[in-house]
Amino acid sequence: MMKSTMLQYDGAVEQAVERLLQMRVFSSKAEVFRAGAMELAVKYGAIKSREEIIEEMMYEDAKPAIMRVKSGKAKLHRLEDI
């Protein structure tokens, strides 16, 4: 469900929002504020970054191979030795 809120802003924030719209970085003021909220959420650890999510997915894919190496059932070779 989409929520809405009314924002009041002026000065430097207004200039920044208008410039981002003029540059066509965002197509609406709502998009500007949503992007800002998401960036702050990542910065303060409220949500995971895209990079963190990708890293977790890569680890999950590699986990079986890592476990085989740790258990001694598989061996890693240096690229130079292959």
PDB file of N, CA and C in Angstrom:
ATOM      1  N   MET A   1       0.840  -1.170   0.000  1.00  0.00           N
ATOM      2  CA  MET A   1       0.000   0.000   0.000  1.00  0.00           C
ATOM      3  C   MET A   1       0.891   1.241   0.000  1.00  0.00           C
ATOM      4  N   MET A   2       0.645   2.117  -0.932  1.00  0.00           N
ATOM      5  CA  MET A   2       1.409   3.356  -1.057  1.00  0.00           C
ATOM      6  C   MET A   2       0.929   4.351  -0.019  1.00  0.00           C
ATOM      7  N   LYS A   3       1.869   4.935   0.699  1.00  0.00           N
ATOM      8  CA  LYS A   3       1.536   5.957   1.683  1.00  0.00           C
ATOM      9  C   LYS A   3       1.896   7.313   1.107  1.00  0.00           C
ATOM     10  N   SER A   4       1.283   8.346   1.614  1.00  0.00           N
ATOM     11  CA  SER A   4       1.607   9.683   1.145  1.00  0.00           C
ATOM     12  C   SER A   4       1.809  10.607   2.333  1.00  0.00           C
ATOM     13  N   THR A   5       2.562  11.655   2.087  1.00  0.00           N
ATOM     14  CA  THR A   5       2.813  12.663   3.107  1.00  0.00           C
ATOM     15  C   THR A   5       3.045  13.995   2.416  1.00  0.00           C
ATOM     16  N   MET A   6       2.809  15.070   3.117  1.00  0.00           N
ATOM     17  CA  MET A   6       3.035  16.391   2.554  1.00  0.00           C
ATOM     18  C   MET A   6       4.352  16.928   3.111  1.00  0.00           C
ATOM     19  N   LEU A   7       5.209  17.408   2.246  1.00  0.00           N
ATOM     20  CA  LEU A   7       6.497  17.935   2.661  1.00  0.00           C
ATOM     21  C   LEU A   7       6.558  19.428   2.378  1.00  0.00           C
ATOM     22  N   GLN A   8       7.204  20.136   3.274  1.00  0.00           N
ATOM     23  CA  GLN A   8       7.485  21.548   3.048  1.00  0.00           C
ATOM     24  C   GLN A   8       8.986  21.705   3.031  1.00  0.00           C
ATOM     25  N   TYR A   9       9.487  22.361   2.010  1.00  0.00           N
ATOM     26  CA  TYR A   9      10.920  22.572   1.893  1.00  0.00           C
ATOM     27  C   TYR A   9      11.177  23.837   1.097  1.00  0.00           C
ATOM     28  N   ASP A  10      12.346  24.408   1.313  1.00  0.00           N
ATOM     29  CA  ASP A  10      12.718  25.609   0.569  1.00  0.00           C
ATOM     30  C   ASP A  10      14.236  25.713   0.522  1.00  0.00           C
ATOM     31  N   GLY A  11      14.723  26.787  -0.006  1.00  0.00           N
ATOM     32  CA  GLY A  11      16.160  27.048  -0.022  1.00  0.00           C
ATOM     33  C   GLY A  11      16.954  26.019  -0.792  1.00  0.00           C
ATOM     34  N   ALA A  12      18.010  25.519  -0.149  1.00  0.00           N
ATOM     35  CA  ALA A  12      18.939  24.598  -0.809  1.00  0.00           C
ATOM     36  C   ALA A  12      18.256  23.300  -1.220  1.00  0.00           C
ATOM     37  N   VAL A  13      17.324  22.816  -0.395  1.00  0.00           N
ATOM     38  CA  VAL A  13      16.612  21.575  -0.741  1.00  0.00           C
ATOM     39  C   VAL A  13      15.776  21.804  -1.993  1.00  0.00           C
ATOM     40  N   GLU A  14      15.083  22.907  -2.041  1.00  0.00           N
ATOM     41  CA  GLU A  14      14.262  23.221  -3.220  1.00  0.00           C
ATOM     42  C   GLU A  14      15.134  23.312  -4.470  1.00  0.00           C
ATOM     43  N   GLN A  15      16.270  23.965  -4.358  1.00  0.00           N
ATOM     44  CA  GLN A  15      17.172  24.105  -5.504  1.00  0.00           C
ATOM     45  C   GLN A  15      17.698  22.744  -5.953  1.00  0.00           C
ATOM     46  N   ALA A  16      18.054  21.921  -4.999  1.00  0.00           N
ATOM     47  CA  ALA A  16      18.569  20.600  -5.342  1.00  0.00           C
ATOM     48  C   ALA A  16      17.504  19.755  -6.046  1.00  0.00           C
ATOM     49  N   VAL A  17      16.289  19.763  -5.512  1.00  0.00           N
ATOM     50  CA  VAL A  17      15.199  18.996  -6.112  1.00  0.00           C
ATOM     51  C   VAL A  17      14.924  19.482  -7.525  1.00  0.00           C
ATOM     52  N   GLU A  18      14.830  20.779  -7.696  1.00  0.00           N
ATOM     53  CA  GLU A  18      14.544  21.339  -9.023  1.00  0.00           C
ATOM     54  C   GLU A  18      15.659  21.017 -10.008  1.00  0.00           C
ATOM     55  N   ARG A  19      16.897  21.081  -9.554  1.00  0.00           N
ATOM     56  CA  ARG A  19      18.032  20.778 -10.445  1.00  0.00           C
ATOM     57  C   ARG A  19      18.015  19.306 -10.859  1.00  0.00           C
ATOM     58  N   LEU A  20      17.730  18.412  -9.929  1.00  0.00           N
ATOM     59  CA  LEU A  20      17.642  16.991 -10.269  1.00  0.00           C
ATOM     60  C   LEU A  20      16.537  16.724 -11.283  1.00  0.00           C
ATOM     61  N   LEU A  21      15.442  17.444 -11.162  1.00  0.00           N
ATOM     62  CA  LEU A  21      14.350  17.291 -12.125  1.00  0.00           C
ATOM     63  C   LEU A  21      14.746  17.865 -13.487  1.00  0.00           C
ATOM     64  N   GLN A  22      15.400  19.013 -13.491  1.00  0.00           N
ATOM     65  CA  GLN A  22      15.848  19.615 -14.754  1.00  0.00           C
ATOM     66  C   GLN A  22      16.844  18.720 -15.470  1.00  0.00           C
ATOM     67  N   MET A  23      17.705  18.081 -14.698  1.00  0.00           N
ATOM     68  CA  MET A  23      18.710  17.183 -15.277  1.00  0.00           C
ATOM     69  C   MET A  23      18.092  15.851 -15.701  1.00  0.00           C
ATOM     70  N   ARG A  24      16.832  15.659 -15.383  1.00  0.00           N
ATOM     71  CA  ARG A  24      16.101  14.425 -15.697  1.00  0.00           C
ATOM     72  C   ARG A  24      16.694  13.201 -14.997  1.00  0.00           C
ATOM     73  N   VAL A  25      17.314  13.426 -13.845  1.00  0.00           N
ATOM     74  CA  VAL A  25      17.790  12.321 -13.026  1.00  0.00           C
ATOM     75  C   VAL A  25      16.579  11.586 -12.451  1.00  0.00           C
ATOM     76  N   PHE A  26      15.569  12.336 -12.075  1.00  0.00           N
ATOM     77  CA  PHE A  26      14.305  11.813 -11.574  1.00  0.00           C
ATOM     78  C   PHE A  26      13.182  12.459 -12.360  1.00  0.00           C
ATOM     79  N   SER A  27      12.048  11.778 -12.430  1.00  0.00           N
ATOM     80  CA  SER A  27      10.930  12.329 -13.197  1.00  0.00           C
ATOM     81  C   SER A  27       9.883  13.006 -12.315  1.00  0.00           C
ATOM     82  N   SER A  28      10.026  12.877 -10.995  1.00  0.00           N
ATOM     83  CA  SER A  28       9.071  13.535 -10.100  1.00  0.00           C
ATOM     84  C   SER A  28       9.733  13.869  -8.772  1.00  0.00           C
ATOM     85  N   LYS A  29       9.144  14.805  -8.067  1.00  0.00           N
ATOM     86  CA  LYS A  29       9.647  15.168  -6.745  1.00  0.00           C
ATOM     87  C   LYS A  29       9.529  13.983  -5.793  1.00  0.00           C
ATOM     88  N   ALA A  30       8.475  13.219  -5.940  1.00  0.00           N
ATOM     89  CA  ALA A  30       8.287  12.044  -5.080  1.00  0.00           C
ATOM     90  C   ALA A  30       9.453  11.066  -5.249  1.00  0.00           C
ATOM     91  N   GLU A  31       9.908  10.871  -6.493  1.00  0.00           N
ATOM     92  CA  GLU A  31      11.040   9.976  -6.737  1.00  0.00           C
ATOM     93  C   GLU A  31      12.305  10.490  -6.075  1.00  0.00           C
ATOM     94  N   VAL A  32      12.503  11.804  -6.096  1.00  0.00           N
ATOM     95  CA  VAL A  32      13.682  12.403  -5.459  1.00  0.00           C
ATOM     96  C   VAL A  32      13.690  12.067  -3.973  1.00  0.00           C
ATOM     97  N   PHE A  33      12.568  12.275  -3.310  1.00  0.00           N
ATOM     98  CA  PHE A  33      12.502  12.037  -1.874  1.00  0.00           C
ATOM     99  C   PHE A  33      12.546  10.554  -1.519  1.00  0.00           C
ATOM    100  N   ARG A  34      11.942   9.698  -2.364  1.00  0.00           N
ATOM    101  CA  ARG A  34      12.026   8.257  -2.122  1.00  0.00           C
ATOM    102  C   ARG A  34      13.475   7.787  -2.216  1.00  0.00           C
ATOM    103  N   ALA A  35      14.186   8.261  -3.243  1.00  0.00           N
ATOM    104  CA  ALA A  35      15.590   7.870  -3.409  1.00  0.00           C
ATOM    105  C   ALA A  35      16.419   8.354  -2.222  1.00  0.00           C
ATOM    106  N   GLY A  36      16.163   9.560  -1.777  1.00  0.00           N
ATOM    107  CA  GLY A  36      16.884  10.079  -0.616  1.00  0.00           C
ATOM    108  C   GLY A  36      16.614   9.261   0.632  1.00  0.00           C
ATOM    109  N   ALA A  37      15.381   8.875   0.841  1.00  0.00           N
ATOM    110  CA  ALA A  37      15.026   8.066   2.007  1.00  0.00           C
ATOM    111  C   ALA A  37      15.720   6.711   1.953  1.00  0.00           C
ATOM    112  N   MET A  38      15.778   6.098   0.771  1.00  0.00           N
ATOM    113  CA  MET A  38      16.425   4.799   0.640  1.00  0.00           C
ATOM    114  C   MET A  38      17.936   4.907   0.875  1.00  0.00           C
ATOM    115  N   GLU A  39      18.557   5.962   0.362  1.00  0.00           N
ATOM    116  CA  GLU A  39      19.989   6.165   0.583  1.00  0.00           C
ATOM    117  C   GLU A  39      20.295   6.317   2.070  1.00  0.00           C
ATOM    118  N   LEU A  40      19.464   7.062   2.776  1.00  0.00           N
ATOM    119  CA  LEU A  40      19.662   7.236   4.217  1.00  0.00           C
ATOM    120  C   LEU A  40      19.446   5.924   4.964  1.00  0.00           C
ATOM    121  N   ALA A  41      18.473   5.140   4.530  1.00  0.00           N
ATOM    122  CA  ALA A  41      18.211   3.855   5.178  1.00  0.00           C
ATOM    123  C   ALA A  41      19.414   2.930   5.034  1.00  0.00           C
ATOM    124  N   VAL A  42      20.044   2.923   3.861  1.00  0.00           N
ATOM    125  CA  VAL A  42      21.245   2.112   3.651  1.00  0.00           C
ATOM    126  C   VAL A  42      22.383   2.660   4.498  1.00  0.00           C
ATOM    127  N   LYS A  43      22.569   3.973   4.467  1.00  0.00           N
ATOM    128  CA  LYS A  43      23.676   4.605   5.205  1.00  0.00           C
ATOM    129  C   LYS A  43      23.619   4.289   6.693  1.00  0.00           C
ATOM    130  N   TYR A  44      22.433   4.301   7.274  1.00  0.00           N
ATOM    131  CA  TYR A  44      22.291   4.091   8.707  1.00  0.00           C
ATOM    132  C   TYR A  44      21.957   2.645   9.081  1.00  0.00           C
ATOM    133  N   GLY A  45      22.024   1.744   8.108  1.00  0.00           N
ATOM    134  CA  GLY A  45      21.856   0.326   8.394  1.00  0.00           C
ATOM    135  C   GLY A  45      20.422  -0.115   8.627  1.00  0.00           C
ATOM    136  N   ALA A  46      19.460   0.696   8.215  1.00  0.00           N
ATOM    137  CA  ALA A  46      18.062   0.301   8.383  1.00  0.00           C
ATOM    138  C   ALA A  46      17.663  -0.769   7.368  1.00  0.00           C
ATOM    139  N   ILE A  47      18.329  -0.770   6.216  1.00  0.00           N
ATOM    140  CA  ILE A  47      18.114  -1.797   5.192  1.00  0.00           C
ATOM    141  C   ILE A  47      19.466  -2.173   4.605  1.00  0.00           C
ATOM    142  N   LYS A  48      19.528  -3.295   3.920  1.00  0.00           N
ATOM    143  CA  LYS A  48      20.766  -3.735   3.294  1.00  0.00           C
ATOM    144  C   LYS A  48      20.947  -3.042   1.949  1.00  0.00           C
ATOM    145  N   SER A  49      22.188  -2.816   1.605  1.00  0.00           N
ATOM    146  CA  SER A  49      22.492  -2.235   0.300  1.00  0.00           C
ATOM    147  C   SER A  49      22.380  -3.310  -0.776  1.00  0.00           C
ATOM    148  N   ARG A  50      22.307  -2.907  -2.003  1.00  0.00           N
ATOM    149  CA  ARG A  50      22.256  -3.835  -3.134  1.00  0.00           C
ATOM    150  C   ARG A  50      23.497  -4.725  -3.122  1.00  0.00           C
ATOM    151  N   GLU A  51      24.649  -4.123  -2.813  1.00  0.00           N
ATOM    152  CA  GLU A  51      25.892  -4.887  -2.779  1.00  0.00           C
ATOM    153  C   GLU A  51      25.860  -5.962  -1.697  1.00  0.00           C
ATOM    154  N   GLU A  52      25.311  -5.633  -0.527  1.00  0.00           N
ATOM    155  CA  GLU A  52      25.221  -6.614   0.556  1.00  0.00           C
ATOM    156  C   GLU A  52      24.312  -7.777   0.167  1.00  0.00           C
ATOM    157  N   ILE A  53      23.220  -7.472  -0.494  1.00  0.00           N
ATOM    158  CA  ILE A  53      22.288  -8.519  -0.924  1.00  0.00           C
ATOM    159  C   ILE A  53      22.958  -9.435  -1.950  1.00  0.00           C
ATOM    160  N   ILE A  54      23.669  -8.852  -2.909  1.00  0.00           N
ATOM    161  CA  ILE A  54      24.366  -9.646  -3.925  1.00  0.00           C
ATOM    162  C   ILE A  54      25.438 -10.512  -3.278  1.00  0.00           C
ATOM    163  N   GLU A  55      26.184  -9.930  -2.328  1.00  0.00           N
ATOM    164  CA  GLU A  55      27.231 -10.696  -1.637  1.00  0.00           C
ATOM    165  C   GLU A  55      26.641 -11.886  -0.896  1.00  0.00           C
ATOM    166  N   GLU A  56      25.508 -11.693  -0.233  1.00  0.00           N
ATOM    167  CA  GLU A  56      24.857 -12.798   0.475  1.00  0.00           C
ATOM    168  C   GLU A  56      24.409 -13.887  -0.495  1.00  0.00           C
ATOM    169  N   MET A  57      23.866 -13.473  -1.637  1.00  0.00           N
ATOM    170  CA  MET A  57      23.420 -14.448  -2.630  1.00  0.00           C
ATOM    171  C   MET A  57      24.604 -15.244  -3.183  1.00  0.00           C
ATOM    172  N   MET A  58      25.721 -14.560  -3.420  1.00  0.00           N
ATOM    173  CA  MET A  58      26.908 -15.239  -3.933  1.00  0.00           C
ATOM    174  C   MET A  58      27.441 -16.223  -2.901  1.00  0.00           C
ATOM    175  N   TYR A  59      27.431 -15.844  -1.630  1.00  0.00           N
ATOM    176  CA  TYR A  59      27.904 -16.746  -0.579  1.00  0.00           C
ATOM    177  C   TYR A  59      27.016 -17.986  -0.509  1.00  0.00           C
ATOM    178  N   GLU A  60      25.703 -17.789  -0.584  1.00  0.00           N
ATOM    179  CA  GLU A  60      24.794 -18.936  -0.528  1.00  0.00           C
ATOM    180  C   GLU A  60      25.054 -19.892  -1.681  1.00  0.00           C
ATOM    181  N   ASP A  61      25.351 -19.354  -2.874  1.00  0.00           N
ATOM    182  CA  ASP A  61      25.663 -20.214  -4.018  1.00  0.00           C
ATOM    183  C   ASP A  61      26.967 -20.971  -3.807  1.00  0.00           C
ATOM    184  N   ALA A  62      27.945 -20.329  -3.158  1.00  0.00           N
ATOM    185  CA  ALA A  62      29.262 -20.939  -2.963  1.00  0.00           C
ATOM    186  C   ALA A  62      29.345 -21.787  -1.704  1.00  0.00           C
ATOM    187  N   LYS A  63      28.367 -21.693  -0.847  1.00  0.00           N
ATOM    188  CA  LYS A  63      28.418 -22.365   0.456  1.00  0.00           C
ATOM    189  C   LYS A  63      28.696 -23.872   0.359  1.00  0.00           C
ATOM    190  N   PRO A  64      28.040 -24.626  -0.525  1.00  0.00           N
ATOM    191  CA  PRO A  64      28.332 -26.066  -0.609  1.00  0.00           C
ATOM    192  C   PRO A  64      29.801 -26.346  -0.949  1.00  0.00           C
ATOM    193  N   ALA A  65      30.368 -25.567  -1.867  1.00  0.00           N
ATOM    194  CA  ALA A  65      31.778 -25.774  -2.236  1.00  0.00           C
ATOM    195  C   ALA A  65      32.689 -25.418  -1.075  1.00  0.00           C
ATOM    196  N   ILE A  66      32.384 -24.353  -0.368  1.00  0.00           N
ATOM    197  CA  ILE A  66      33.190 -23.952   0.793  1.00  0.00           C
ATOM    198  C   ILE A  66      33.165 -25.046   1.853  1.00  0.00           C
ATOM    199  N   MET A  67      32.005 -25.624   2.082  1.00  0.00           N
ATOM    200  CA  MET A  67      31.876 -26.688   3.085  1.00  0.00           C
ATOM    201  C   MET A  67      32.677 -27.920   2.677  1.00  0.00           C
ATOM    202  N   ARG A  68      32.711 -28.269   1.370  1.00  0.00           N
ATOM    203  CA  ARG A  68      33.486 -29.411   0.899  1.00  0.00           C
ATOM    204  C   ARG A  68      34.977 -29.181   1.116  1.00  0.00           C
ATOM    205  N   VAL A  69      35.432 -27.945   0.872  1.00  0.00           N
ATOM    206  CA  VAL A  69      36.845 -27.629   1.092  1.00  0.00           C
ATOM    207  C   VAL A  69      37.170 -27.712   2.575  1.00  0.00           C
ATOM    208  N   LYS A  70      36.321 -27.143   3.417  1.00  0.00           N
ATOM    209  CA  LYS A  70      36.563 -27.163   4.862  1.00  0.00           C
ATOM    210  C   LYS A  70      36.576 -28.583   5.419  1.00  0.00           C
ATOM    211  N   SER A  71      35.758 -29.456   4.851  1.00  0.00           N
ATOM    212  CA  SER A  71      35.689 -30.834   5.347  1.00  0.00           C
ATOM    213  C   SER A  71      36.795 -31.709   4.777  1.00  0.00           C
ATOM    214  N   GLY A  72      37.548 -31.171   3.818  1.00  0.00           N
ATOM    215  CA  GLY A  72      38.624 -31.947   3.213  1.00  0.00           C
ATOM    216  C   GLY A  72      38.184 -32.781   2.027  1.00  0.00           C
ATOM    217  N   LYS A  73      36.920 -32.721   1.656  1.00  0.00           N
ATOM    218  CA  LYS A  73      36.413 -33.517   0.526  1.00  0.00           C
ATOM    219  C   LYS A  73      36.785 -32.903  -0.822  1.00  0.00           C
ATOM    220  N   ALA A  74      37.210 -31.636  -0.799  1.00  0.00           N
ATOM    221  CA  ALA A  74      37.630 -30.964  -2.030  1.00  0.00           C
ATOM    222  C   ALA A  74      38.875 -30.145  -1.705  1.00  0.00           C
ATOM    223  N   LYS A  75      39.625 -29.827  -2.745  1.00  0.00           N
ATOM    224  CA  LYS A  75      40.853 -29.083  -2.539  1.00  0.00           C
ATOM    225  C   LYS A  75      40.869 -27.897  -3.497  1.00  0.00           C
ATOM    226  N   LEU A  76      41.390 -26.785  -3.014  1.00  0.00           N
ATOM    227  CA  LEU A  76      41.570 -25.618  -3.864  1.00  0.00           C
ATOM    228  C   LEU A  76      42.968 -25.648  -4.465  1.00  0.00           C
ATOM    229  N   HIS A  77      43.066 -25.237  -5.693  1.00  0.00           N
ATOM    230  CA  HIS A  77      44.364 -25.171  -6.372  1.00  0.00           C
ATOM    231  C   HIS A  77      44.645 -23.730  -6.760  1.00  0.00           C
ATOM    232  N   ARG A  78      45.889 -23.358  -6.696  1.00  0.00           N
ATOM    233  CA  ARG A  78      46.276 -22.024  -7.148  1.00  0.00           C
ATOM    234  C   ARG A  78      46.213 -21.996  -8.654  1.00  0.00           C
ATOM    235  N   LEU A  79      45.815 -20.868  -9.205  1.00  0.00           N
ATOM    236  CA  LEU A  79      45.680 -20.724 -10.646  1.00  0.00           C
ATOM    237  C   LEU A  79      47.005 -20.995 -11.356  1.00  0.00           C
ATOM    238  N   GLU A  80      48.113 -20.579 -10.727  1.00  0.00           N
ATOM    239  CA  GLU A  80      49.438 -20.774 -11.331  1.00  0.00           C
ATOM    240  C   GLU A  80      49.788 -22.264 -11.441  1.00  0.00           C
ATOM    241  N   ASP A  81      49.224 -23.094 -10.560  1.00  0.00           N
ATOM    242  CA  ASP A  81      49.535 -24.520 -10.536  1.00  0.00           C
ATOM    243  C   ASP A  81      48.698 -25.333 -11.510  1.00  0.00           C
ATOM    244  N   ILE A  82      47.700 -24.735 -12.060  1.00  0.00           N
ATOM    245  CA  ILE A  82      46.792 -25.477 -12.955  1.00  0.00           C
ATOM    246  C   ILE A  82      47.329 -25.499 -14.368  1.00  0.00           C
TER     247      ILE A  82
END
